[in-house]
C-alpha atoms as a PDB file:
ATOM      1  CA  MET A   1     104.281  91.645 -97.672  1.00  0.00           C
ATOM      2  CA  ALA A   2     103.996  95.548 -98.066  1.00  0.00           C
ATOM      3  CA  LEU A   3     106.712  97.546 -96.035  1.00  0.00           C
ATOM      4  CA  SER A   4     105.507 100.137 -93.731  1.00  0.00           C
ATOM      5  CA  ILE A   5     106.899 103.560 -93.086  1.00  0.00           C
ATOM      6  CA  CYS A   6     105.745 106.080 -90.102  1.00  0.00           C
ATOM      7  CA  ILE A   7     105.387 109.446 -90.636  1.00  0.00           C
ATOM      8  CA  SER A   8     105.465 111.732 -87.468  1.00  0.00           C
ATOM      9  CA  LEU A   9     103.362 114.866 -88.189  1.00  0.00           C
ATOM     10  CA  GLY A  10     105.679 117.386 -86.484  1.00  0.00           C
ATOM     11  CA  ASP A  11     104.370 120.674 -85.049  1.00  0.00           C
ATOM     12  CA  LEU A  12     100.681 120.808 -85.976  1.00  0.00           C
ATOM     13  CA  THR A  13     101.035 124.753 -86.271  1.00  0.00           C
ATOM     14  CA  GLY A  14     103.480 124.534 -88.708  1.00  0.00           C
ATOM     15  CA  ILE A  15     103.412 123.021 -92.477  1.00  0.00           C
ATOM     16  CA  GLY A  16     104.318 119.355 -91.121  1.00  0.00           C
ATOM     17  CA  PRO A  17     100.806 117.839 -91.789  1.00  0.00           C
ATOM     18  CA  GLU A  18     100.401 119.453 -95.024  1.00  0.00           C
ATOM     19  CA  VAL A  19     103.506 118.647 -96.541  1.00  0.00           C
ATOM     20  CA  THR A  20     102.959 115.023 -95.281  1.00  0.00           C
ATOM     21  CA  LEU A  21      99.580 114.818 -96.896  1.00  0.00           C
ATOM     22  CA  LYS A  22     100.642 116.441-100.199  1.00  0.00           C
ATOM     23  CA  ALA A  23     103.557 113.760-100.244  1.00  0.00           C
ATOM     24  CA  LEU A  24     101.369 111.036 -99.785  1.00  0.00           C
ATOM     25  CA  ALA A  25      99.011 112.077-102.425  1.00  0.00           C
ATOM     26  CA  THR A  26     102.125 112.062-105.001  1.00  0.00           C
ATOM     27  CA  GLU A  27     103.550 108.818-103.619  1.00  0.00           C
ATOM     28  CA  LEU A  28     100.667 106.470-102.636  1.00  0.00           C
ATOM     29  CA  PRO A  29      99.706 105.684-106.452  1.00  0.00           C
ATOM     30  CA  LEU A  30     103.529 104.607-107.077  1.00  0.00           C
ATOM     31  CA  ASP A  31     103.996 101.647-104.765  1.00  0.00           C
ATOM     32  CA  ASP A  32     102.479  99.228-102.305  1.00  0.00           C
ATOM     33  CA  PHE A  33     104.181 100.841 -99.160  1.00  0.00           C
ATOM     34  CA  ARG A  34     101.935 101.277 -95.933  1.00  0.00           C
ATOM     35  CA  TYR A  35     101.988 104.552 -94.219  1.00  0.00           C
ATOM     36  CA  VAL A  36     101.356 104.830 -90.717  1.00  0.00           C
ATOM     37  CA  LEU A  37     100.619 108.614 -89.695  1.00  0.00           C
ATOM     38  CA  VAL A  38     101.468 109.026 -86.116  1.00  0.00           C
ATOM     39  CA  GLY A  39      99.758 112.234 -84.897  1.00  0.00           C
ATOM     40  CA  ASP A  40      96.219 113.701 -84.801  1.00  0.00           C
ATOM     41  CA  ALA A  41      93.958 111.844 -86.955  1.00  0.00           C
ATOM     42  CA  ALA A  42      90.813 114.209 -86.705  1.00  0.00           C
ATOM     43  CA  TYR A  43      92.999 117.034 -87.664  1.00  0.00           C
ATOM     44  CA  LEU A  44      94.521 115.354 -90.693  1.00  0.00           C
ATOM     45  CA  ARG A  45      90.933 114.176 -91.839  1.00  0.00           C
ATOM     46  CA  LYS A  46      89.971 117.850 -91.975  1.00  0.00           C
ATOM     47  CA  LEU A  47      93.048 118.960 -93.642  1.00  0.00           C
ATOM     48  CA  ASN A  48      92.757 116.334 -96.133  1.00  0.00           C
ATOM     49  CA  LEU A  49      89.165 117.795 -96.984  1.00  0.00           C
ATOM     50  CA  ARG A  50      90.239 121.469 -97.103  1.00  0.00           C
ATOM     51  CA  LEU A  51      93.242 120.648 -99.476  1.00  0.00           C
ATOM     52  CA  GLY A  52      90.997 118.692-101.716  1.00  0.00           C
ATOM     53  CA  LEU A  53      93.526 115.669-101.949  1.00  0.00           C
ATOM     54  CA  ASP A  54      90.822 113.142-101.495  1.00  0.00           C
ATOM     55  CA  LEU A  55      93.355 110.663 -99.673  1.00  0.00           C
ATOM     56  CA  PRO A  56      91.740 107.174 -98.490  1.00  0.00           C
ATOM     57  CA  LEU A  57      92.179 108.077 -94.632  1.00  0.00           C
ATOM     58  CA  PRO A  58      90.386 105.723 -92.180  1.00  0.00           C
ATOM     59  CA  GLU A  59      87.264 107.371 -91.148  1.00  0.00           C
ATOM     60  CA  ARG A  60      87.649 106.293 -87.589  1.00  0.00           C
ATOM     61  CA  GLY A  61      89.981 104.367 -85.260  1.00  0.00           C
ATOM     62  CA  GLU A  62      93.358 103.425 -86.559  1.00  0.00           C
ATOM     63  CA  GLY A  63      92.446 101.923 -89.614  1.00  0.00           C
ATOM     64  CA  SER A  64      93.838  98.978 -91.572  1.00  0.00           C
ATOM     65  CA  GLY A  65      94.354  99.888 -95.192  1.00  0.00           C
ATOM     66  CA  ARG A  66      97.336 101.452 -96.707  1.00  0.00           C
ATOM     67  CA  ILE A  67      97.285 104.567 -94.598  1.00  0.00           C
ATOM     68  CA  SER A  68      96.573 104.033 -90.741  1.00  0.00           C
ATOM     69  CA  PHE A  69      96.842 106.272 -87.849  1.00  0.00           C
ATOM     70  CA  ARG A  70      98.777 106.095 -84.624  1.00  0.00           C
ATOM     71  CA  ASP A  71      98.635 108.516 -81.859  1.00  0.00           C
ATOM     72  CA  GLY A  72     101.301 109.112 -78.959  1.00  0.00           C
ATOM     73  CA  VAL A  73      99.299 111.682 -77.216  1.00  0.00           C
ATOM     74  CA  VAL A  74      97.015 110.871 -74.368  1.00  0.00           C
ATOM     75  CA  SER A  75      95.034 114.249 -74.178  1.00  0.00           C
ATOM     76  CA  ALA A  76      93.249 115.958 -77.174  1.00  0.00           C
ATOM     77  CA  LEU A  77      94.861 118.894 -78.762  1.00  0.00           C
ATOM     78  CA  PRO A  78      92.833 122.229 -78.971  1.00  0.00           C
ATOM     79  CA  GLU A  79      91.344 122.858 -82.332  1.00  0.00           C
ATOM     80  CA  HIS A  80      92.885 126.236 -82.650  1.00  0.00           C
ATOM     81  CA  MET A  81      96.604 127.017 -81.508  1.00  0.00           C
ATOM     82  CA  ALA A  82      98.786 129.881 -82.114  1.00  0.00           C
ATOM     83  CA  PRO A  83     102.150 129.222 -84.023  1.00  0.00           C
ATOM     84  CA  GLY A  84     104.545 127.400 -81.606  1.00  0.00           C
ATOM     85  CA  ALA A  85     101.941 126.688 -79.063  1.00  0.00           C
ATOM     86  CA  ARG A  86     103.016 124.522 -76.119  1.00  0.00           C
ATOM     87  CA  GLU A  87     100.427 121.712 -76.611  1.00  0.00           C
ATOM     88  CA  ALA A  88     101.665 121.453 -80.240  1.00  0.00           C
ATOM     89  CA  ALA A  89     105.265 121.340 -79.330  1.00  0.00           C
ATOM     90  CA  LEU A  90     104.921 118.535 -76.760  1.00  0.00           C
ATOM     91  CA  ALA A  91     102.608 116.721 -79.334  1.00  0.00           C
ATOM     92  CA  SER A  92     105.378 116.844 -81.899  1.00  0.00           C
ATOM     93  CA  VAL A  93     108.017 115.477 -79.422  1.00  0.00           C
ATOM     94  CA  ALA A  94     105.530 112.569 -78.436  1.00  0.00           C
ATOM     95  CA  TRP A  95     104.905 111.560 -81.935  1.00  0.00           C
ATOM     96  CA  VAL A  96     108.487 111.293 -82.806  1.00  0.00           C
ATOM     97  CA  LYS A  97     108.856 108.990 -79.836  1.00  0.00           C
ATOM     98  CA  GLU A  98     105.695 106.828 -80.776  1.00  0.00           C
ATOM     99  CA  ALA A  99     106.999 106.581 -84.410  1.00  0.00           C
ATOM    100  CA  ALA A 100     110.637 105.537 -82.928  1.00  0.00           C
ATOM    101  CA  ARG A 101     108.776 102.918 -80.810  1.00  0.00           C
ATOM    102  CA  ILE A 102     106.867 101.504 -83.734  1.00  0.00           C
ATOM    103  CA  CYS A 103     110.180 101.096 -85.635  1.00  0.00           C
ATOM    104  CA  LEU A 104     112.132  99.641 -82.745  1.00  0.00           C
ATOM    105  CA  ALA A 105     109.171  96.945 -82.322  1.00  0.00           C
ATOM    106  CA  LYS A 106     109.805  96.315 -85.898  1.00  0.00           C
ATOM    107  CA  GLU A 107     106.159  97.164 -87.093  1.00  0.00           C
ATOM    108  CA  ALA A 108     107.817  99.547 -89.453  1.00  0.00           C
ATOM    109  CA  VAL A 109     111.016  99.450 -91.096  1.00  0.00           C
ATOM    110  CA  GLY A 110     111.862 103.208 -91.066  1.00  0.00           C
ATOM    111  CA  MET A 111     110.184 106.780 -90.351  1.00  0.00           C
ATOM    112  CA  VAL A 112     109.864 110.183 -91.845  1.00  0.00           C
ATOM    113  CA  THR A 113     109.815 113.060 -89.229  1.00  0.00           C
ATOM    114  CA  ALA A 114     107.932 116.222 -90.334  1.00  0.00           C
ATOM    115  CA  PRO A 115     109.345 119.312 -89.117  1.00  0.00           C
ATOM    116  CA  VAL A 116     109.323 120.191 -85.353  1.00  0.00           C
ATOM    117  CA  ASN A 117     110.228 123.688 -83.732  1.00  0.00           C
ATOM    118  CA  LYS A 118     113.239 123.351 -81.152  1.00  0.00           C
ATOM    119  CA  GLU A 119     112.459 126.597 -79.584  1.00  0.00           C
ATOM    120  CA  ALA A 120     109.083 125.915 -79.182  1.00  0.00           C
ATOM    121  CA  ILE A 121     109.820 122.307 -77.531  1.00  0.00           C
ATOM    122  CA  VAL A 122     112.488 123.740 -75.267  1.00  0.00           C
ATOM    123  CA  ARG A 123     110.201 126.796 -74.262  1.00  0.00           C
ATOM    124  CA  ALA A 124     107.407 124.016 -73.342  1.00  0.00           C
ATOM    125  CA  GLY A 125     109.928 122.853 -70.851  1.00  0.00           C
ATOM    126  CA  GLU A 126     111.399 119.685 -72.774  1.00  0.00           C
ATOM    127  CA  ARG A 127     115.162 118.925 -72.795  1.00  0.00           C
ATOM    128  CA  PHE A 128     115.522 118.827 -76.297  1.00  0.00           C
ATOM    129  CA  VAL A 129     118.836 119.312 -78.627  1.00  0.00           C
ATOM    130  CA  GLY A 130     117.335 117.832 -81.959  1.00  0.00           C
ATOM    131  CA  GLN A 131     115.555 114.950 -83.329  1.00  0.00           C
ATOM    132  CA  THR A 132     118.782 113.219 -84.276  1.00  0.00           C
ATOM    133  CA  GLU A 133     119.892 113.430 -80.830  1.00  0.00           C
ATOM    134  CA  LEU A 134     116.489 112.281 -79.454  1.00  0.00           C
ATOM    135  CA  LEU A 135     116.266 109.056 -81.893  1.00  0.00           C
ATOM    136  CA  SER A 136     119.851 108.200 -80.894  1.00  0.00           C
ATOM    137  CA  GLU A 137     118.954 108.334 -77.385  1.00  0.00           C
ATOM    138  CA  LEU A 138     115.729 106.137 -77.944  1.00  0.00           C
ATOM    139  CA  ALA A 139     117.778 103.756 -79.947  1.00  0.00           C
ATOM    140  CA  GLY A 140     120.564 103.461 -77.615  1.00  0.00           C
ATOM    141  CA  THR A 141     123.208 104.219 -79.672  1.00  0.00           C
ATOM    142  CA  ARG A 142     125.958 107.025 -80.080  1.00  0.00           C
ATOM    143  CA  GLU A 143     127.120 105.764 -83.078  1.00  0.00           C
ATOM    144  CA  THR A 144     125.042 108.072 -85.306  1.00  0.00           C
ATOM    145  CA  ALA A 145     125.556 111.015 -87.588  1.00  0.00           C
ATOM    146  CA  MET A 146     123.456 113.457 -89.521  1.00  0.00           C
ATOM    147  CA  MET A 147     123.726 113.554 -93.376  1.00  0.00           C
ATOM    148  CA  LEU A 148     122.205 116.057 -95.502  1.00  0.00           C
ATOM    149  CA  LEU A 149     121.817 115.524 -99.276  1.00  0.00           C
ATOM    150  CA  GLY A 150     120.186 116.918-102.213  1.00  0.00           C
ATOM    151  CA  HIS A 151     120.459 117.598-105.750  1.00  0.00           C
ATOM    152  CA  ASP A 152     120.400 120.724-108.272  1.00  0.00           C
ATOM    153  CA  ASP A 153     118.247 120.838-111.148  1.00  0.00           C
ATOM    154  CA  ARG A 154     120.998 119.334-113.196  1.00  0.00           C
ATOM    155  CA  GLY A 155     121.215 116.046-111.150  1.00  0.00           C
ATOM    156  CA  ARG A 156     124.428 117.117-109.224  1.00  0.00           C
ATOM    157  CA  TRP A 157     124.446 115.757-105.854  1.00  0.00           C
ATOM    158  CA  LEU A 158     125.952 116.950-102.525  1.00  0.00           C
ATOM    159  CA  ARG A 159     126.000 114.379 -99.710  1.00  0.00           C
ATOM    160  CA  VAL A 160     127.224 115.966 -96.419  1.00  0.00           C
ATOM    161  CA  ALA A 161     127.998 114.237 -92.979  1.00  0.00           C
ATOM    162  CA  LEU A 162     128.505 116.331 -89.890  1.00  0.00           C
ATOM    163  CA  ALA A 163     131.074 115.667 -87.231  1.00  0.00           C
ATOM    164  CA  THR A 164     129.319 117.634 -85.028  1.00  0.00           C
ATOM    165  CA  THR A 165     125.554 118.856 -85.156  1.00  0.00           C
ATOM    166  CA  HIS A 166     123.771 121.148 -82.771  1.00  0.00           C
ATOM    167  CA  VAL A 167     126.641 122.753 -81.164  1.00  0.00           C
ATOM    168  CA  PRO A 168     127.301 126.326 -80.385  1.00  0.00           C
ATOM    169  CA  LEU A 169     130.075 127.622 -82.636  1.00  0.00           C
ATOM    170  CA  ARG A 170     132.397 128.515 -79.889  1.00  0.00           C
ATOM    171  CA  ASP A 171     132.347 124.874 -78.788  1.00  0.00           C
ATOM    172  CA  VAL A 172     132.784 123.193 -81.939  1.00  0.00           C
ATOM    173  CA  ALA A 173     136.702 122.825 -81.694  1.00  0.00           C
ATOM    174  CA  ASP A 174     136.461 120.935 -78.465  1.00  0.00           C
ATOM    175  CA  ARG A 175     133.787 118.539 -79.793  1.00  0.00           C
ATOM    176  CA  VAL A 176     135.924 117.698 -82.985  1.00  0.00           C
ATOM    177  CA  ALA A 177     137.294 114.561 -81.160  1.00  0.00           C
ATOM    178  CA  PRO A 178     139.160 111.913 -83.451  1.00  0.00           C
ATOM    179  CA  GLU A 179     136.600 109.108 -82.566  1.00  0.00           C
ATOM    180  CA  ASN A 180     133.626 111.502 -83.761  1.00  0.00           C
ATOM    181  CA  LEU A 181     135.671 112.032 -86.721  1.00  0.00           C
ATOM    182  CA  ASN A 182     136.320 108.619 -87.531  1.00  0.00           C
ATOM    183  CA  LEU A 183     132.488 107.583 -86.970  1.00  0.00           C
ATOM    184  CA  ALA A 184     131.473 110.381 -89.447  1.00  0.00           C
ATOM    185  CA  ILE A 185     133.947 109.265 -91.924  1.00  0.00           C
ATOM    186  CA  ARG A 186     132.856 105.377 -91.420  1.00  0.00           C
ATOM    187  CA  LEU A 187     129.031 106.405 -91.672  1.00  0.00           C
ATOM    188  CA  ALA A 188     129.498 108.667 -94.751  1.00  0.00           C
ATOM    189  CA  ALA A 189     131.498 105.894 -96.722  1.00  0.00           C
ATOM    190  CA  GLN A 190     128.480 103.489 -95.516  1.00  0.00           C
ATOM    191  CA  ALA A 191     125.800 105.609 -96.600  1.00  0.00           C
ATOM    192  CA  CYS A 192     127.358 105.575-100.021  1.00  0.00           C
ATOM    193  CA  ARG A 193     127.374 101.898-100.174  1.00  0.00           C
ATOM    194  CA  ASP A 194     123.687 101.983 -98.945  1.00  0.00           C
ATOM    195  CA  LEU A 195     122.506 104.410-101.702  1.00  0.00           C
ATOM    196  CA  GLY A 196     124.206 101.924-104.191  1.00  0.00           C
ATOM    197  CA  LEU A 197     126.727 104.231-105.411  1.00  0.00           C
ATOM    198  CA  PRO A 198     129.416 102.565-107.550  1.00  0.00           C
ATOM    199  CA  ARG A 199     132.196 104.089-105.441  1.00  0.00           C
ATOM    200  CA  ALA A 200     132.435 105.544-101.915  1.00  0.00           C
ATOM    201  CA  ARG A 201     135.041 108.338-102.010  1.00  0.00           C
ATOM    202  CA  VAL A 202     134.964 110.660 -99.006  1.00  0.00           C
ATOM    203  CA  ALA A 203     136.551 114.147 -98.434  1.00  0.00           C
ATOM    204  CA  VAL A 204     137.063 115.738 -95.296  1.00  0.00           C
ATOM    205  CA  CYS A 205     136.856 119.424 -94.518  1.00  0.00           C
ATOM    206  CA  GLY A 206     139.514 121.230 -92.396  1.00  0.00           C
ATOM    207  CA  LEU A 207     137.985 123.162 -89.367  1.00  0.00           C
ATOM    208  CA  ASN A 208     139.923 126.483 -89.627  1.00  0.00           C
ATOM    209  CA  PRO A 209     140.260 128.860 -92.709  1.00  0.00           C
ATOM    210  CA  HIS A 210     142.617 127.534 -95.370  1.00  0.00           C
ATOM    211  CA  ALA A 211     142.683 124.116 -93.343  1.00  0.00           C
ATOM    212  CA  GLY A 212     144.730 125.763 -90.799  1.00  0.00           C
ATOM    213  CA  GLU A 213     147.621 126.963 -93.181  1.00  0.00           C
ATOM    214  CA  GLY A 214     150.155 124.334 -91.725  1.00  0.00           C
ATOM    215  CA  GLY A 215     149.343 125.300 -88.277  1.00  0.00           C
ATOM    216  CA  LYS A 216     149.803 128.944 -88.569  1.00  0.00           C
ATOM    217  CA  MET A 217     145.950 129.509 -88.176  1.00  0.00           C
ATOM    218  CA  GLY A 218     144.991 126.724 -85.952  1.00  0.00           C
ATOM    219  CA  THR A 219     146.202 123.103 -85.343  1.00  0.00           C
ATOM    220  CA  GLU A 220     143.300 120.935 -85.343  1.00  0.00           C
ATOM    221  CA  GLU A 221     144.021 119.823 -88.772  1.00  0.00           C
ATOM    222  CA  GLN A 222     147.210 118.387 -87.802  1.00  0.00           C
ATOM    223  CA  THR A 223     146.391 117.106 -84.424  1.00  0.00           C
ATOM    224  CA  LEU A 224     142.879 115.826 -84.890  1.00  0.00           C
ATOM    225  CA  ILE A 225     141.529 115.623 -88.367  1.00  0.00           C
ATOM    226  CA  ALA A 226     144.482 114.310 -90.509  1.00  0.00           C
ATOM    227  CA  PRO A 227     145.062 111.451 -87.766  1.00  0.00           C
ATOM    228  CA  ALA A 228     141.244 110.583 -88.038  1.00  0.00           C
ATOM    229  CA  VAL A 229     141.445 110.404 -91.953  1.00  0.00           C
ATOM    230  CA  LYS A 230     144.857 108.270 -91.582  1.00  0.00           C
ATOM    231  CA  ARG A 231     142.978 105.951 -89.233  1.00  0.00           C
ATOM    232  CA  ALA A 232     140.150 105.695 -91.607  1.00  0.00           C
ATOM    233  CA  GLN A 233     142.388 105.003 -94.797  1.00  0.00           C
ATOM    234  CA  ALA A 234     143.844 102.049 -92.645  1.00  0.00           C
ATOM    235  CA  GLN A 235     140.573 100.630 -92.177  1.00  0.00           C
ATOM    236  CA  GLY A 236     140.248 100.577 -96.051  1.00  0.00           C
ATOM    237  CA  ILE A 237     138.090 103.726 -96.399  1.00  0.00           C
ATOM    238  CA  ASP A 238     138.574 105.728 -99.610  1.00  0.00           C
ATOM    239  CA  VAL A 239     138.969 108.972 -97.779  1.00  0.00           C
ATOM    240  CA  VAL A 240     141.296 112.149 -98.328  1.00  0.00           C
ATOM    241  CA  GLY A 241     141.720 115.397 -96.356  1.00  0.00           C
ATOM    242  CA  PRO A 242     141.511 117.710 -94.558  1.00  0.00           C
ATOM    243  CA  PHE A 243     141.021 120.284 -97.257  1.00  0.00           C
ATOM    244  CA  SER A 244     139.873 123.919 -97.085  1.00  0.00           C
ATOM    245  CA  ALA A 245     136.084 123.826 -96.838  1.00  0.00           C
ATOM    246  CA  ASP A 246     135.681 127.377 -99.276  1.00  0.00           C
ATOM    247  CA  ALA A 247     137.161 125.289-102.070  1.00  0.00           C
ATOM    248  CA  LEU A 248     136.450 121.535-101.306  1.00  0.00           C
ATOM    249  CA  PHE A 249     132.652 122.066-101.987  1.00  0.00           C
ATOM    250  CA  TYR A 250     133.424 123.018-105.600  1.00  0.00           C
ATOM    251  CA  TYR A 251     135.035 119.727-106.084  1.00  0.00           C
ATOM    252  CA  VAL A 252     132.558 117.724-104.514  1.00  0.00           C
ATOM    253  CA  PHE A 253     129.741 119.253-106.267  1.00  0.00           C
ATOM    254  CA  ARG A 254     131.554 118.705-109.717  1.00  0.00           C
ATOM    255  CA  GLY A 255     131.736 114.991-108.922  1.00  0.00           C
ATOM    256  CA  ASP A 256     135.373 114.264-107.614  1.00  0.00           C
ATOM    257  CA  TYR A 257     133.674 112.999-104.223  1.00  0.00           C
ATOM    258  CA  ASP A 258     130.571 111.058-103.380  1.00  0.00           C
ATOM    259  CA  ALA A 259     130.288 112.518 -99.692  1.00  0.00           C
ATOM    260  CA  VAL A 260     131.848 115.065 -97.448  1.00  0.00           C
ATOM    261  CA  VAL A 261     132.420 115.404 -94.045  1.00  0.00           C
ATOM    262  CA  ALA A 262     132.003 118.790 -92.523  1.00  0.00           C
ATOM    263  CA  MET A 263     133.065 119.878 -89.020  1.00  0.00           C
ATOM    264  CA  TYR A 264     130.014 121.872 -88.057  1.00  0.00           C
ATOM    265  CA  HIS A 265     126.492 122.494 -88.890  1.00  0.00           C
ATOM    266  CA  ASP A 266     126.576 125.719 -90.821  1.00  0.00           C
ATOM    267  CA  GLN A 267     129.879 124.537 -92.815  1.00  0.00           C
ATOM    268  CA  GLY A 268     127.942 121.869 -94.254  1.00  0.00           C
ATOM    269  CA  LEU A 269     124.591 123.077 -94.802  1.00  0.00           C
ATOM    270  CA  VAL A 270     125.062 126.417 -96.152  1.00  0.00           C
ATOM    271  CA  PRO A 271     126.396 124.987 -99.568  1.00  0.00           C
ATOM    272  CA  LEU A 272     123.716 122.036 -99.342  1.00  0.00           C
ATOM    273  CA  LYS A 273     120.848 124.525 -99.102  1.00  0.00           C
ATOM    274  CA  MET A 274     122.251 126.486-101.644  1.00  0.00           C
ATOM    275  CA  VAL A 275     122.201 123.894-104.167  1.00  0.00           C
ATOM    276  CA  ALA A 276     119.061 121.892-102.886  1.00  0.00           C
ATOM    277  CA  PHE A 277     116.883 124.085-100.573  1.00  0.00           C
ATOM    278  CA  GLU A 278     113.879 122.708-102.110  1.00  0.00           C
ATOM    279  CA  HIS A 279     114.817 119.182-102.129  1.00  0.00           C
ATOM    280  CA  GLY A 280     117.113 118.375 -99.234  1.00  0.00           C
ATOM    281  CA  ILE A 281     117.071 115.505 -97.000  1.00  0.00           C
ATOM    282  CA  ASN A 282     117.957 115.059 -93.568  1.00  0.00           C
ATOM    283  CA  TRP A 283     119.082 111.238 -92.950  1.00  0.00           C
ATOM    284  CA  THR A 284     120.105 110.100 -89.789  1.00  0.00           C
ATOM    285  CA  LEU A 285     122.950 107.588 -90.233  1.00  0.00           C
ATOM    286  CA  GLY A 286     123.719 104.547 -87.806  1.00  0.00           C
ATOM    287  CA  LEU A 287     120.209 104.105 -86.365  1.00  0.00           C
ATOM    288  CA  PRO A 288     118.879 100.491 -86.375  1.00  0.00           C
ATOM    289  CA  PHE A 289     115.957 101.587 -88.536  1.00  0.00           C
ATOM    290  CA  VAL A 290     115.656 104.184 -91.654  1.00  0.00           C
ATOM    291  CA  ARG A 291     114.916 107.957 -90.538  1.00  0.00           C
ATOM    292  CA  THR A 292     114.776 110.679 -92.995  1.00  0.00           C
ATOM    293  CA  SER A 293     113.137 114.222 -92.801  1.00  0.00           C
ATOM    294  CA  PRO A 294     112.754 117.167 -94.860  1.00  0.00           C
ATOM    295  CA  ASP A 295     115.388 119.764 -94.632  1.00  0.00           C
ATOM    296  CA  HIS A 296     113.258 122.723 -93.648  1.00  0.00           C
ATOM    297  CA  GLY A 297     111.431 124.091 -90.611  1.00  0.00           C
ATOM    298  CA  THR A 298     108.035 124.571 -89.721  1.00  0.00           C
ATOM    299  CA  ALA A 299     107.213 127.744 -91.692  1.00  0.00           C
ATOM    300  CA  TYR A 300     104.660 129.238 -89.369  1.00  0.00           C
ATOM    301  CA  ASP A 301     104.385 132.322 -91.566  1.00  0.00           C
ATOM    302  CA  ILE A 302     102.673 130.110 -94.277  1.00  0.00           C
ATOM    303  CA  ALA A 303     101.153 127.506 -92.082  1.00  0.00           C
ATOM    304  CA  GLY A 304      97.508 126.754 -92.932  1.00  0.00           C
ATOM    305  CA  GLN A 305      97.349 128.527 -96.139  1.00  0.00           C
ATOM    306  CA  GLY A 306      97.753 125.564 -98.211  1.00  0.00           C
ATOM    307  CA  LYS A 307     100.747 126.903-100.242  1.00  0.00           C
ATOM    308  CA  ALA A 308     103.629 124.736 -98.676  1.00  0.00           C
ATOM    309  CA  ASN A 309     106.022 123.359-100.971  1.00  0.00           C
ATOM    310  CA  ALA A 310     106.157 119.423-100.367  1.00  0.00           C
ATOM    311  CA  SER A 311     109.213 118.631-102.769  1.00  0.00           C
ATOM    312  CA  SER A 312     111.551 118.296 -99.792  1.00  0.00           C
ATOM    313  CA  MET A 313     109.016 115.801 -97.992  1.00  0.00           C
ATOM    314  CA  ILE A 314     108.480 113.911-101.105  1.00  0.00           C
ATOM    315  CA  ALA A 315     112.383 113.563-101.477  1.00  0.00           C
ATOM    316  CA  ALA A 316     112.516 112.289 -97.833  1.00  0.00           C
ATOM    317  CA  LEU A 317     109.838 109.879 -98.354  1.00  0.00           C
ATOM    318  CA  ARG A 318     111.330 108.488-101.414  1.00  0.00           C
ATOM    319  CA  LEU A 319     114.789 108.167 -99.897  1.00  0.00           C
ATOM    320  CA  ALA A 320     113.208 106.320 -96.844  1.00  0.00           C
ATOM    321  CA  LYS A 321     111.436 103.698 -99.175  1.00  0.00           C
ATOM    322  CA  GLN A 322     114.670 103.219-101.357  1.00  0.00           C
ATOM    323  CA  LEU A 323     116.624 102.493 -98.213  1.00  0.00           C
ATOM    324  CA  ALA A 324     113.905 100.343 -96.792  1.00  0.00           C
ATOM    325  CA  ARG A 325     113.738  98.300 -99.903  1.00  0.00           C
ATOM    326  CA  ALA A 326     117.431  97.664 -99.821  1.00  0.00           C
ATOM    327  CA  LYS A 327     117.175  96.488 -96.111  1.00  0.00           C
ATOM    328  CA  ALA A 328     114.324  94.345 -96.726  1.00  0.00           C
END
């Protein structure tokens, strides 16, 4: 029986629908997966025609072919909306929730989420930190972590798990708790195994410059990070650190390690996006279903112009399918 993947369309006033259809045009001929598009069906039909993709979208209703539609929004959306419109922002959250519901009901093995705009969602009145946090809440688990991964044009990979996610920089030190660190290390090692890598060697960043210089520039490495690494080692995980982040990524990139645990968002994402901006993938570790996402935003400035690059969406879709096959 063919496996199903949900794709939530993201913010309709951004590039999410466009990269979704472009990715499907590339991927549909390659396998027998079924794709459940969670979003505005009428909008997608018109966009399919405008882009000249000739995808076999259902003409009416939800459809029963390899591509079908679902919608978690009750009221119809306006045909013309400004970038970041309230209606589009609220719909993007509703579609993520509907895709998660489908996965939790085991009607699909995983989901790919097109970009949403956090600022627009909060401005619309939603309590929203990020899709990772929302999906963790919907799944009823705190045992999750964000991993960003991608490769350069020579096939060299970076796989970065984050000990903290969407946290103001001034609060990071207070959020770097031993249990969070141990979780990120465990999930990073498991991610390597889920990917079928021949080993799962994890390196851990320090929080402070030069990993604290033996306590002269901060003590978190000694009091929090090193004990978490030792605990993970005692659990049988191949992990080392903490290391100074400014040098560590060089060694990870050349292949000495298979994954790295970064202490905060930009510490991990700056090097990742430097080498894999167009192919980066956001993977939520620890959920009871597969969830990936392209590692870019809504790109309001080019939305509706037909020139969005779908490479990251294609990579996210391919990873979701790879992981889904491994779980099946």
